[in-house]
Structure formats: structure tokens, C-alpha cells
Amino acid sequence: MKTRIYTNKATPIGDVYIVVEDEKLTAIYMGEEDFLEGEIKSALQYDPADPLIKECLLQLAQYFNGERQEFNLPIEPQGTVFQKAVWKELSFIPFGETRSYQDIAVKIGNEKAVRAIGQANKANHLPIIIPCHRVIGKNKSLTGYAGTRTEIKEQLLTLEGAGYKK
């Protein structure tokens, strides 16, 4: 079995928990509740000194300080073929810009998959790195982030200077 390691850190959007496996970033959880729901803590090793975890923390700090717009980290997203196609498309949304769920559905060649795009966003275990927060309603309104946590989506989009409706 591969060793999975983690750490947690306070950020402007609350505590984040970072999980690394086999020298790849596998998950970022927003808050302890999400972390405990998604991981078996006893199966993880706490190691804030791991080089990849330290690099992830550095890049996240740079992002929150307005010094970084793109991430350069080895990632290992876990999901279906459809989810991975959605996440790949999300990775192309530039810092400070947004797209609608419909835009993403069209880009992946499945115009009727708007709700499925939302579910793929919800299943994204690498938020911020794979910027699901940049996907908003067609009318520019905020819609659920990590399920229902639109306040986090609002904070991230504000940080990036992206336009949206409250």
C-alpha cells in the first residue's frame, strides 16, 4: 500500500488539508469536516515537512497573496473519464475569468451535460488547483461550490478579480 501523507494549514478561506500520495497531490480539503469525510485519518501519515506538501503550501500562500495565478504541482486527480474531461477543461479557465456550466458542457462536446458538469465540479478533490470555483451560472450568478459553500467561491473569485453577480 502506498503511503498517503497530509498536513493542514490556515488560509484566508479557512483551514485546508493537503493530501499527497506517491509524490503527487491527490486532494485538498476545505475544512476539517470535508477532510474527515473524504479520508480515513488513521490511514494517513502527518508530515508537514514533505517536499511536495511544502511546495503546495508555498504556492497556495503565493496565490492568496496575489503573487501566483497558475499552479505548477504534480497532481493525480481520481475520477471517471467524464470527470477528468471536465477537470481538464476547468484547468484552461484563466485566472480572473469565469465560465458557465453550459460553456464547459459545450467545450467537452456534451451540451446537455450541464448538471453533470456541476456534479463533476462537486467531485473535484483538487479545488483551487483545478479551478472549479471559476464556473458560475449562465447569468453570472454564484452557484454551489463544494456543494453549497458559495461563500468560498465568492472569496476566491473576489481574490482573482473575476466578475459575478451576488
Protein backbone atom coordinates (compact mmCIF):
# COMPACT_ATOMS: atom_id res chain seq x y z
CA MET A 1 0.00 0.00 0.00
CA LYS A 2 1.22 3.46 -0.88
CA THR A 3 1.90 5.93 1.90
CA ARG A 4 -0.51 8.84 1.94
CA ILE A 5 0.63 11.88 3.85
CA TYR A 6 -1.11 15.08 4.83
CA THR A 7 -0.90 18.39 6.57
CA ASN A 8 -3.28 21.21 7.32
CA LYS A 9 -2.86 24.97 7.20
CA ALA A 10 -4.94 28.04 7.96
CA THR A 11 -5.69 30.14 4.86
CA PRO A 12 -7.91 33.15 4.12
CA ILE A 13 -10.73 30.73 3.22
CA GLY A 14 -10.29 28.62 6.37
CA ASP A 15 -8.24 25.55 7.15
CA VAL A 16 -7.16 23.44 4.19
CA TYR A 17 -5.97 19.85 4.38
CA ILE A 18 -3.48 18.72 1.74
CA VAL A 19 -3.03 15.04 0.88
CA VAL A 20 -0.12 13.64 -1.11
CA GLU A 21 0.43 10.10 -2.35
CA ASP A 22 3.35 8.74 -4.35
CA GLU A 23 4.82 12.24 -4.83
CA LYS A 24 1.60 13.58 -6.35
CA LEU A 25 -1.01 15.91 -4.89
CA THR A 26 -4.23 13.90 -4.60
CA ALA A 27 -6.58 16.10 -2.55
CA ILE A 28 -7.14 19.49 -0.98
CA TYR A 29 -9.99 19.63 1.51
CA MET A 30 -11.60 22.82 2.70
CA GLY A 31 -12.15 22.36 6.39
CA GLU A 32 -11.76 19.50 8.82
CA GLU A 33 -15.27 18.22 8.19
CA ASP A 34 -14.57 17.69 4.47
CA PHE A 35 -11.20 16.12 5.31
CA LEU A 36 -12.68 13.63 7.76
CA GLU A 37 -15.50 12.83 5.34
CA GLY A 38 -13.06 12.15 2.48
CA GLU A 39 -10.19 10.42 4.26
CA ILE A 40 -9.50 7.84 6.93
CA LYS A 41 -7.21 9.91 9.12
CA SER A 42 -5.63 6.87 10.79
CA ALA A 43 -4.54 5.63 7.34
CA LEU A 44 -2.58 8.84 6.72
CA GLN A 45 0.77 9.98 7.99
CA TYR A 46 1.05 13.61 9.16
CA ASP A 47 4.15 15.15 7.56
CA PRO A 48 4.21 18.93 7.04
CA ALA A 49 7.91 18.67 6.07
CA ASP A 50 7.25 16.58 2.94
CA PRO A 51 8.77 18.48 -0.03
CA LEU A 52 5.62 18.35 -2.15
CA ILE A 53 3.41 19.44 0.73
CA LYS A 54 5.78 22.33 1.43
CA GLU A 55 5.71 23.34 -2.26
CA CYS A 56 1.92 23.14 -2.33
CA LEU A 57 1.69 25.31 0.80
CA LEU A 58 4.11 27.83 -0.76
CA GLN A 59 2.13 28.03 -4.00
CA LEU A 60 -1.17 28.37 -2.13
CA ALA A 61 0.31 31.18 0.01
CA GLN A 62 1.51 32.92 -3.16
CA TYR A 63 -1.96 32.55 -4.68
CA PHE A 64 -3.68 34.02 -1.62
CA ASN A 65 -1.13 36.87 -1.56
CA GLY A 66 -1.89 37.72 -5.19
CA GLU A 67 1.56 36.58 -6.35
CA ARG A 68 0.55 33.44 -8.29
CA GLN A 69 -2.07 32.87 -10.97
CA GLU A 70 -1.21 29.32 -12.04
CA PHE A 71 -0.08 26.27 -10.11
CA ASN A 72 2.83 24.03 -11.02
CA LEU A 73 2.32 20.89 -8.97
CA PRO A 74 2.21 17.20 -9.91
CA ILE A 75 -1.41 16.13 -9.46
CA GLU A 76 -3.27 12.85 -9.58
CA PRO A 77 -7.00 13.55 -9.94
CA GLN A 78 -9.14 10.48 -9.25
CA GLY A 79 -12.41 10.25 -11.14
CA THR A 80 -14.33 8.93 -14.10
CA VAL A 81 -13.37 9.61 -17.71
CA PHE A 82 -16.15 12.23 -17.84
CA GLN A 83 -15.00 13.94 -14.64
CA LYS A 84 -11.40 14.05 -15.85
CA ALA A 85 -12.55 15.63 -19.14
CA VAL A 86 -14.43 18.31 -17.17
CA TRP A 87 -11.48 18.94 -14.85
CA LYS A 88 -9.10 19.23 -17.80
CA GLU A 89 -11.37 21.88 -19.31
CA LEU A 90 -11.57 23.74 -15.98
CA SER A 91 -7.77 23.89 -15.96
CA PHE A 92 -7.92 26.04 -19.10
CA ILE A 93 -10.03 28.79 -17.47
CA PRO A 94 -7.60 31.68 -16.90
CA PHE A 95 -7.13 33.35 -13.53
CA GLY A 96 -9.69 36.12 -13.05
CA GLU A 97 -12.12 34.72 -15.63
CA THR A 98 -15.23 32.59 -15.31
CA ARG A 99 -17.18 30.20 -17.49
CA SER A 100 -20.72 28.92 -17.17
CA TYR A 101 -21.63 25.29 -16.65
CA GLN A 102 -23.11 25.46 -20.16
CA ASP A 103 -19.79 26.75 -21.56
CA ILE A 104 -17.97 23.75 -20.09
CA ALA A 105 -20.60 21.33 -21.40
CA VAL A 106 -20.16 22.74 -24.91
CA LYS A 107 -16.35 22.63 -24.65
CA ILE A 108 -16.36 18.92 -23.78
CA GLY A 109 -18.82 18.20 -26.61
CA ASN A 110 -21.85 17.36 -24.47
CA GLU A 111 -24.19 20.36 -24.46
CA LYS A 112 -26.85 18.62 -22.38
CA ALA A 113 -24.44 17.72 -19.53
CA VAL A 114 -24.88 20.94 -17.55
CA ARG A 115 -25.99 19.19 -14.35
CA ALA A 116 -23.31 16.55 -14.77
CA ILE A 117 -20.73 19.35 -15.02
CA GLY A 118 -21.94 20.56 -11.62
CA GLN A 119 -21.58 17.07 -10.18
CA ALA A 120 -18.05 16.76 -11.63
CA ASN A 121 -17.19 20.09 -10.00
CA LYS A 122 -18.50 18.81 -6.69
CA ALA A 123 -16.37 15.65 -7.06
CA ASN A 124 -13.18 17.67 -7.71
CA HIS A 125 -10.74 16.82 -4.91
CA LEU A 126 -8.22 19.44 -6.05
CA PRO A 127 -10.13 22.72 -5.69
CA ILE A 128 -8.21 25.92 -6.38
CA ILE A 129 -5.58 23.87 -8.26
CA ILE A 130 -8.29 22.64 -10.66
CA PRO A 131 -10.33 25.87 -10.52
CA CYS A 132 -13.93 24.70 -10.22
CA HIS A 133 -14.64 27.99 -8.41
CA ARG A 134 -14.39 29.71 -11.81
CA VAL A 135 -17.56 28.01 -13.03
CA ILE A 136 -20.69 30.06 -12.36
CA GLY A 137 -24.26 30.26 -13.60
CA LYS A 138 -25.02 31.38 -17.15
CA ASN A 139 -26.48 34.60 -15.71
CA LYS A 140 -23.14 35.23 -13.87
CA SER A 141 -24.66 34.29 -10.50
CA LEU A 142 -22.79 32.19 -7.98
CA THR A 143 -23.96 28.65 -7.64
CA GLY A 144 -22.86 25.97 -5.21
CA TYR A 145 -19.18 25.39 -4.56
CA ALA A 146 -18.13 22.20 -2.82
CA GLY A 147 -21.84 21.52 -2.67
CA THR A 148 -23.34 24.64 -1.13
CA ARG A 149 -20.41 26.75 0.06
CA THR A 150 -20.78 29.72 -2.25
CA GLU A 151 -19.01 31.97 0.29
CA ILE A 152 -15.72 30.22 -0.56
CA LYS A 153 -16.39 30.59 -4.29
CA GLU A 154 -17.12 34.29 -3.69
CA GLN A 155 -13.87 34.79 -1.76
CA LEU A 156 -11.79 33.07 -4.45
CA LEU A 157 -13.42 34.95 -7.34
CA THR A 158 -13.03 38.25 -5.48
CA LEU A 159 -9.37 37.47 -4.86
CA GLU A 160 -8.96 36.87 -8.58
CA GLY A 161 -10.93 39.97 -9.59
CA ALA A 162 -13.46 37.90 -11.55
CA GLY A 163 -16.90 39.30 -12.32
CA TYR A 164 -20.05 37.70 -10.96
CA LYS A 165 -23.46 38.63 -9.54
CA LYS A 166 -24.26 38.32 -5.85
